[in-house]
């Protein structure tokens, strides 16, 4: 939780980067990593859009 008056931290870029790096280290090929990254970004966009409708 953030303190009142402080902007929320955006940690999702770090999470996506970490997942993509782990996939590369596990030997996933470029096509699989690209598909994973796009899927994660779309999921984040949907969650962000759904959260924006609440405000």
C-alpha atoms as a PDB file:
ATOM      1  CA  UNK A   1       0.000   0.000   0.000  1.00  0.00           C
ATOM      2  CA  UNK A   2       1.131   3.529  -0.633  1.00  0.00           C
ATOM      3  CA  UNK A   3       0.953   6.362   1.818  1.00  0.00           C
ATOM      4  CA  UNK A   4      -1.775   8.933   1.222  1.00  0.00           C
ATOM      5  CA  UNK A   5      -0.662  11.623  -1.198  1.00  0.00           C
ATOM      6  CA  UNK A   6       2.076   9.553  -2.867  1.00  0.00           C
ATOM      7  CA  UNK A   7       1.678   8.358  -6.448  1.00  0.00           C
ATOM      8  CA  UNK A   8       1.283   4.596  -6.935  1.00  0.00           C
ATOM      9  CA  UNK A   9       4.403   2.734  -8.047  1.00  0.00           C
ATOM     10  CA  UNK A  10       4.301   1.065 -11.431  1.00  0.00           C
ATOM     11  CA  UNK A  11       6.085  -2.243 -10.908  1.00  0.00           C
ATOM     12  CA  UNK A  12       4.561  -4.116 -13.863  1.00  0.00           C
ATOM     13  CA  UNK A  13       7.416  -3.254 -16.287  1.00  0.00           C
ATOM     14  CA  UNK A  14       9.850  -4.943 -13.908  1.00  0.00           C
ATOM     15  CA  UNK A  15       7.628  -7.994 -13.579  1.00  0.00           C
ATOM     16  CA  UNK A  16       7.251  -8.383 -17.362  1.00  0.00           C
ATOM     17  CA  UNK A  17      11.001  -7.945 -17.835  1.00  0.00           C
ATOM     18  CA  UNK A  18      11.787 -10.542 -15.177  1.00  0.00           C
ATOM     19  CA  UNK A  19       9.373 -13.083 -16.676  1.00  0.00           C
ATOM     20  CA  UNK A  20      10.792 -12.568 -20.176  1.00  0.00           C
ATOM     21  CA  UNK A  21      14.376 -12.928 -18.916  1.00  0.00           C
ATOM     22  CA  UNK A  22      13.464 -16.127 -17.065  1.00  0.00           C
ATOM     23  CA  UNK A  23      11.828 -17.524 -20.200  1.00  0.00           C
ATOM     24  CA  UNK A  24      14.985 -16.777 -22.203  1.00  0.00           C
ATOM     25  CA  UNK A  25      17.156 -18.410 -19.546  1.00  0.00           C
ATOM     26  CA  UNK A  26      14.965 -21.508 -19.668  1.00  0.00           C
ATOM     27  CA  UNK A  27      15.683 -21.851 -23.384  1.00  0.00           C
ATOM     28  CA  UNK A  28      12.444 -20.618 -24.878  1.00  0.00           C
ATOM     29  CA  UNK A  29      12.797 -19.621 -28.523  1.00  0.00           C
ATOM     30  CA  UNK A  30      12.217 -16.077 -29.755  1.00  0.00           C
ATOM     31  CA  UNK A  31       8.696 -16.770 -31.046  1.00  0.00           C
ATOM     32  CA  UNK A  32       7.549 -18.148 -27.684  1.00  0.00           C
ATOM     33  CA  UNK A  33       9.099 -15.247 -25.764  1.00  0.00           C
ATOM     34  CA  UNK A  34       7.477 -12.714 -28.096  1.00  0.00           C
ATOM     35  CA  UNK A  35       4.090 -14.389 -27.666  1.00  0.00           C
ATOM     36  CA  UNK A  36       4.539 -14.419 -23.884  1.00  0.00           C
ATOM     37  CA  UNK A  37       5.533 -10.744 -23.758  1.00  0.00           C
ATOM     38  CA  UNK A  38       2.624  -9.646 -25.956  1.00  0.00           C
ATOM     39  CA  UNK A  39       0.176 -11.697 -23.896  1.00  0.00           C
ATOM     40  CA  UNK A  40       1.430 -10.165 -20.647  1.00  0.00           C
ATOM     41  CA  UNK A  41       1.214  -6.633 -22.041  1.00  0.00           C
ATOM     42  CA  UNK A  42      -2.327  -7.204 -23.310  1.00  0.00           C
ATOM     43  CA  UNK A  43      -3.326  -8.586 -19.918  1.00  0.00           C
ATOM     44  CA  UNK A  44      -1.874  -5.517 -18.194  1.00  0.00           C
ATOM     45  CA  UNK A  45      -3.707  -3.235 -20.638  1.00  0.00           C
ATOM     46  CA  UNK A  46      -7.021  -4.958 -19.919  1.00  0.00           C
ATOM     47  CA  UNK A  47      -6.495  -4.753 -16.159  1.00  0.00           C
ATOM     48  CA  UNK A  48      -5.484  -1.095 -16.389  1.00  0.00           C
ATOM     49  CA  UNK A  49      -8.506  -0.263 -18.550  1.00  0.00           C
ATOM     50  CA  UNK A  50     -10.839  -2.070 -16.162  1.00  0.00           C
ATOM     51  CA  UNK A  51      -9.335  -0.186 -13.219  1.00  0.00           C
ATOM     52  CA  UNK A  52      -9.696   3.155 -15.014  1.00  0.00           C
ATOM     53  CA  UNK A  53     -13.450   2.570 -15.440  1.00  0.00           C
ATOM     54  CA  UNK A  54     -13.880   2.392 -11.662  1.00  0.00           C
ATOM     55  CA  UNK A  55     -12.563   5.891 -11.025  1.00  0.00           C
END
